[in-house]
Amino acid sequence: MEKLLLNLTRAMKGGTPSERKIAKYLIEHLDELPFETAATLAAKLGLSPMTVGRFLRSLGYRQFSDIRADLRQAEETAGAERVPTKENEQSHTNPFSQLLLQQIQAVQTAFDMTSQPVWRLAMNEIAAAPQVFLAPSSEGSGAGRYFHGRMLEYRKNVHYLSSDSSAYVSVWDSDPRSTLLIMMDGGGNLATLQRLSTTARKSGYRTLLITTRFYEWGPESADICLAMPLVPSGGQGLLQLVSLMEFALCTLAANADEVCKARLKNLTSLKRALSA
């Protein structure tokens, strides 16, 4: 079972669009797989049975019934090892499986964002702006500091703004025509970031908002908005944010020019020397 989930996770991250669609469905509907066939799955996903068959073979299964046999064996093994208690009888959900599913969904949501035109616009702005200021919400400060440190590996002049008005003053020392203000909504009270965004836009600064709470900000809150859908089960906002940051860092690395690559190489050597 663990091997199947691992292979499906890899397919969701690096597979073709069809493979990602199949992997996502299989992960989200493990309980229904005993009742599926390659033909019924293909019909549900709008794919050909041959495409489903090729994907199953890439997982090491000759046909759909092999997956069902694997799942039955895993269930029998788990049942033999499980201590029969009233709590176990009432619980049909493994909390670790639920956590894994949440993480996969967060990564998938962030990955879907990277195919949108607004993503390319946002990445171009981050790469081209002479000065970049990063302002996270209070609950996203840890993720914000991590993102700030990693961004400095790929470009200069990235400034971290802690969540207080005195730190925000430094933005106004920079020319609006050469400044990008990134606001990371990692949860918590929005009032301070909202006021910062409003004031910055009135002063002519370019603004980029990353949030899972688009409707609380409104469509006119920023020049560019990477708005990720809020998952009904909740609790995934920070997971989505971290996933999106990692994809952003990968994009910056992939698009880096020779100067940026040399900078990254030098900083990597410095890190190794300091940690030795």
Protein backbone atom coordinates (compact mmCIF):
# COMPACT_ATOMS: atom_id res chain seq x y z
CA MET A 1 0.00 0.00 0.00
CA GLU A 2 2.81 2.43 0.92
CA LYS A 3 4.55 1.73 -2.41
CA LEU A 4 1.34 2.40 -4.33
CA LEU A 5 0.78 5.74 -2.56
CA LEU A 6 4.40 6.73 -3.13
CA ASN A 7 4.19 5.96 -6.86
CA LEU A 8 0.90 7.83 -7.18
CA THR A 9 2.40 10.84 -5.39
CA ARG A 10 5.35 10.85 -7.79
CA ALA A 11 2.98 10.65 -10.75
CA MET A 12 1.01 13.65 -9.45
CA LYS A 13 4.21 15.68 -9.22
CA GLY A 14 6.00 14.71 -12.42
CA GLY A 15 3.60 12.83 -14.66
CA THR A 16 1.80 13.88 -17.82
CA PRO A 17 -1.57 15.67 -17.48
CA SER A 18 -3.38 12.34 -18.01
CA GLU A 19 -1.18 10.56 -15.45
CA ARG A 20 -1.73 13.31 -12.89
CA LYS A 21 -5.48 13.09 -13.43
CA ILE A 22 -5.50 9.31 -12.94
CA ALA A 23 -3.20 9.44 -9.91
CA LYS A 24 -5.29 12.16 -8.24
CA TYR A 25 -8.48 10.14 -8.75
CA LEU A 26 -6.95 6.92 -7.43
CA ILE A 27 -5.63 8.62 -4.28
CA GLU A 28 -8.95 10.33 -3.56
CA HIS A 29 -11.05 7.20 -4.21
CA LEU A 30 -9.04 4.33 -2.73
CA ASP A 31 -12.15 2.98 -1.01
CA GLU A 32 -13.98 2.73 -4.36
CA LEU A 33 -11.23 0.94 -6.30
CA PRO A 34 -12.60 -2.58 -5.64
CA PHE A 35 -15.61 -1.59 -7.75
CA GLU A 36 -13.67 0.00 -10.62
CA THR A 37 -12.31 -1.32 -13.91
CA ALA A 38 -9.97 0.32 -16.40
CA ALA A 39 -12.98 0.99 -18.65
CA THR A 40 -15.13 2.62 -15.95
CA LEU A 41 -12.21 4.74 -14.72
CA ALA A 42 -11.40 5.86 -18.26
CA ALA A 43 -15.03 6.87 -18.81
CA LYS A 44 -15.15 8.89 -15.59
CA LEU A 45 -11.94 10.78 -16.41
CA GLY A 46 -12.58 11.27 -20.11
CA LEU A 47 -9.55 9.19 -21.09
CA SER A 48 -9.05 6.10 -23.22
CA PRO A 49 -8.82 2.66 -21.59
CA MET A 50 -5.39 2.30 -23.25
CA THR A 51 -4.15 5.40 -21.41
CA VAL A 52 -5.39 4.00 -18.10
CA GLY A 53 -3.82 0.63 -18.92
CA ARG A 54 -0.42 2.19 -19.68
CA PHE A 55 -0.53 4.08 -16.40
CA LEU A 56 -1.36 0.93 -14.44
CA ARG A 57 1.57 -0.87 -16.06
CA SER A 58 3.87 2.03 -15.12
CA LEU A 59 2.87 1.36 -11.49
CA GLY A 60 3.82 -2.29 -11.86
CA TYR A 61 0.31 -3.71 -12.34
CA ARG A 62 -0.75 -5.73 -15.37
CA GLN A 63 -4.43 -4.93 -14.91
CA PHE A 64 -6.87 -3.23 -12.55
CA SER A 65 -7.63 -6.43 -10.67
CA ASP A 66 -4.00 -6.52 -9.47
CA ILE A 67 -4.54 -3.24 -7.60
CA ARG A 68 -7.68 -4.65 -6.01
CA ALA A 69 -5.73 -7.71 -4.91
CA ASP A 70 -3.04 -5.49 -3.41
CA LEU A 71 -5.63 -3.47 -1.50
CA ARG A 72 -7.34 -6.62 -0.19
CA GLN A 73 -4.01 -7.99 1.01
CA ALA A 74 -3.16 -4.70 2.74
CA GLU A 75 -6.58 -4.68 4.43
CA GLU A 76 -6.22 -8.28 5.58
CA THR A 77 -2.74 -7.60 6.97
CA ALA A 78 -3.95 -4.48 8.76
CA GLY A 79 -6.91 -6.40 10.15
CA ALA A 80 -4.71 -9.17 11.50
CA GLU A 81 -2.42 -6.69 13.24
CA ARG A 82 -5.16 -4.42 14.57
CA VAL A 83 -6.16 -4.80 18.20
CA PRO A 84 -9.98 -5.07 18.24
CA THR A 85 -11.35 -2.20 20.27
CA LYS A 86 -14.54 -0.23 20.13
CA GLU A 87 -12.60 2.79 18.93
CA ASN A 88 -11.12 0.83 16.02
CA GLU A 89 -14.50 -0.53 15.06
CA GLN A 90 -15.91 2.98 14.82
CA SER A 91 -12.94 4.47 12.97
CA HIS A 92 -12.58 3.90 9.23
CA THR A 93 -10.03 6.61 8.58
CA ASN A 94 -6.27 6.48 9.08
CA PRO A 95 -5.18 9.96 10.26
CA PHE A 96 -1.81 9.56 8.54
CA SER A 97 -3.54 8.78 5.25
CA GLN A 98 -5.66 11.88 5.68
CA LEU A 99 -2.56 13.99 6.33
CA LEU A 100 -0.84 12.54 3.27
CA LEU A 101 -3.90 13.28 1.17
CA GLN A 102 -4.00 16.87 2.42
CA GLN A 103 -0.35 17.36 1.52
CA ILE A 104 -0.85 15.89 -1.95
CA GLN A 105 -3.88 18.09 -2.56
CA ALA A 106 -1.94 21.17 -1.44
CA VAL A 107 0.90 20.38 -3.84
CA GLN A 108 -1.56 19.69 -6.66
CA THR A 109 -3.37 22.99 -6.05
CA ALA A 110 -0.10 24.91 -6.15
CA PHE A 111 1.06 23.00 -9.23
CA ASP A 112 -2.18 23.84 -11.08
CA MET A 113 -1.47 27.51 -10.40
CA THR A 114 1.84 27.31 -12.28
CA SER A 115 0.07 26.64 -15.58
CA GLN A 116 -1.93 29.88 -15.43
CA PRO A 117 -0.87 33.08 -17.26
CA VAL A 118 -0.93 35.03 -13.99
CA TRP A 119 1.83 32.76 -12.69
CA ARG A 120 4.20 33.74 -15.50
CA LEU A 121 3.35 37.39 -14.94
CA ALA A 122 4.09 37.10 -11.21
CA MET A 123 7.40 35.27 -11.75
CA ASN A 124 8.51 37.85 -14.33
CA GLU A 125 7.74 40.65 -11.88
CA ILE A 126 9.73 38.97 -9.09
CA ALA A 127 12.71 38.38 -11.37
CA ALA A 128 12.73 41.84 -13.00
CA ALA A 129 11.91 44.25 -10.15
CA PRO A 130 15.08 46.06 -8.93
CA GLN A 131 13.74 46.03 -5.35
CA VAL A 132 11.48 43.37 -3.82
CA PHE A 133 9.84 43.67 -0.39
CA LEU A 134 8.19 40.66 1.23
CA ALA A 135 5.45 41.21 3.82
CA PRO A 136 3.86 38.09 5.34
CA SER A 137 0.86 37.97 7.64
CA SER A 138 1.62 37.32 11.31
CA GLU A 139 0.81 33.59 11.13
CA GLY A 140 2.90 33.19 7.98
CA SER A 141 6.04 34.86 9.34
CA GLY A 142 8.02 31.62 9.59
CA ALA A 143 7.27 30.64 6.00
CA GLY A 144 7.93 34.23 4.94
CA ARG A 145 11.41 34.28 6.47
CA TYR A 146 12.23 30.98 4.78
CA PHE A 147 11.04 32.28 1.40
CA HIS A 148 13.00 35.51 1.89
CA GLY A 149 16.22 33.62 2.63
CA ARG A 150 15.81 31.35 -0.37
CA MET A 151 14.96 34.20 -2.73
CA LEU A 152 18.19 35.92 -1.78
CA GLU A 153 20.02 32.96 -3.29
CA TYR A 154 18.62 33.81 -6.73
CA ARG A 155 18.57 37.60 -6.72
CA LYS A 156 19.74 40.65 -4.78
CA ASN A 157 17.72 43.36 -3.06
CA VAL A 158 15.02 41.23 -1.43
CA HIS A 159 13.86 42.77 1.87
CA TYR A 160 11.84 41.11 4.63
CA LEU A 161 9.17 43.18 6.39
CA SER A 162 8.11 42.10 9.84
CA SER A 163 4.48 42.74 10.74
CA ASP A 164 4.77 46.18 12.30
CA SER A 165 4.36 49.68 10.92
CA SER A 166 7.95 50.75 11.59
CA ALA A 167 9.27 48.04 9.25
CA TYR A 168 6.85 49.07 6.52
CA VAL A 169 8.40 52.55 6.43
CA SER A 170 11.41 51.14 4.56
CA VAL A 171 9.22 50.49 1.50
CA TRP A 172 8.67 54.21 1.08
CA ASP A 173 12.43 54.82 0.86
CA SER A 174 12.37 52.94 -2.45
CA ASP A 175 11.29 54.33 -5.82
CA PRO A 176 7.76 53.06 -6.65
CA ARG A 177 8.78 52.58 -10.29
CA SER A 178 11.42 50.02 -9.32
CA THR A 179 9.70 48.28 -6.39
CA LEU A 180 7.54 45.18 -6.05
CA LEU A 181 5.71 44.53 -2.77
CA ILE A 182 4.80 40.86 -2.18
CA MET A 183 2.14 40.14 0.44
CA MET A 184 1.90 36.56 1.70
CA ASP A 185 -1.36 35.74 3.43
CA GLY A 186 -0.53 32.79 5.67
CA GLY A 187 -3.60 33.20 7.86
CA GLY A 188 -4.52 35.29 10.86
CA ASN A 189 -5.61 38.92 11.02
CA LEU A 190 -5.67 40.54 7.58
CA ALA A 191 -6.20 44.15 8.66
CA THR A 192 -2.54 45.22 8.75
CA LEU A 193 -1.64 43.69 5.38
CA GLN A 194 -4.81 45.09 3.81
CA ARG A 195 -3.95 48.61 4.96
CA LEU A 196 -0.38 48.17 3.70
CA SER A 197 -1.64 47.04 0.31
CA THR A 198 -4.08 49.90 -0.02
CA THR A 199 -1.49 52.51 0.96
CA ALA A 200 1.19 51.04 -1.31
CA ARG A 201 -1.07 51.01 -4.37
CA LYS A 202 -2.16 54.58 -3.76
CA SER A 203 1.52 55.53 -3.68
CA GLY A 204 2.20 53.86 -7.02
CA TYR A 205 3.95 50.66 -5.89
CA ARG A 206 3.44 47.39 -7.76
CA THR A 207 1.83 44.76 -5.49
CA LEU A 208 1.64 40.97 -5.64
CA LEU A 209 -0.76 39.13 -3.32
CA ILE A 210 -0.57 35.40 -2.51
CA THR A 211 -3.65 34.18 -0.62
CA THR A 212 -6.19 31.42 -0.13
CA ARG A 213 -8.76 33.99 1.04
CA PHE A 214 -9.40 35.87 -2.19
CA TYR A 215 -12.93 36.97 -1.35
CA GLU A 216 -11.80 38.53 1.92
CA TRP A 217 -9.32 40.67 0.03
CA GLY A 218 -11.42 41.63 -2.96
CA PRO A 219 -10.45 41.81 -6.65
CA GLU A 220 -8.90 45.28 -6.37
CA SER A 221 -6.54 44.52 -3.49
CA ALA A 222 -3.39 44.02 -5.57
CA ASP A 223 -2.03 44.44 -9.10
CA ILE A 224 -1.33 40.69 -9.35
CA CYS A 225 -3.13 38.06 -7.30
CA LEU A 226 -2.18 34.40 -6.94
CA ALA A 227 -5.41 33.22 -5.32
CA MET A 228 -5.48 29.54 -4.43
CA PRO A 229 -8.87 27.91 -3.81
CA LEU A 230 -9.68 27.26 -0.18
CA VAL A 231 -10.16 23.52 0.32
CA PRO A 232 -13.52 22.71 2.01
CA SER A 233 -11.85 20.59 4.70
CA GLY A 234 -9.77 23.61 5.71
CA GLY A 235 -6.37 23.68 7.37
CA GLN A 236 -4.41 23.55 4.13
CA GLY A 237 -3.73 27.23 3.56
CA LEU A 238 -0.17 27.10 4.88
CA LEU A 239 0.53 23.84 3.04
CA GLN A 240 -0.58 25.45 -0.21
CA LEU A 241 1.50 28.53 0.53
CA VAL A 242 4.67 26.53 1.19
CA SER A 243 4.09 24.43 -1.94
CA LEU A 244 3.61 27.55 -4.02
CA MET A 245 6.83 29.05 -2.63
CA GLU A 246 8.79 25.96 -3.62
CA PHE A 247 7.42 26.13 -7.16
CA ALA A 248 8.32 29.83 -7.29
CA LEU A 249 11.90 29.08 -6.23
CA CYS A 250 12.12 26.36 -8.90
CA THR A 251 10.89 28.82 -11.52
CA LEU A 252 13.43 31.46 -10.46
CA ALA A 253 16.19 28.85 -10.63
CA ALA A 254 15.10 27.61 -14.06
CA ASN A 255 14.98 31.15 -15.49
CA ALA A 256 18.17 32.39 -13.85
CA ASP A 257 20.74 34.07 -16.09
CA GLU A 258 24.49 33.44 -15.85
CA VAL A 259 24.96 36.15 -13.23
CA CYS A 260 22.28 34.62 -11.00
CA LYS A 261 23.67 31.12 -11.48
CA ALA A 262 27.14 32.31 -10.49
CA ARG A 263 25.64 34.03 -7.43
CA LEU A 264 23.85 30.84 -6.40
CA LYS A 265 27.05 28.81 -6.87
CA ASN A 266 29.03 31.21 -4.68
CA LEU A 267 26.39 31.23 -1.95
CA THR A 268 26.21 27.43 -1.98
CA SER A 269 30.00 27.27 -1.50
CA LEU A 270 29.72 29.81 1.34
CA LYS A 271 27.05 27.72 3.10
CA ARG A 272 29.19 24.61 2.89
CA ALA A 273 32.22 26.46 4.23
CA LEU A 274 30.28 27.89 7.19
CA SER A 275 28.69 24.56 8.08
CA ALA A 276 31.93 22.59 7.89
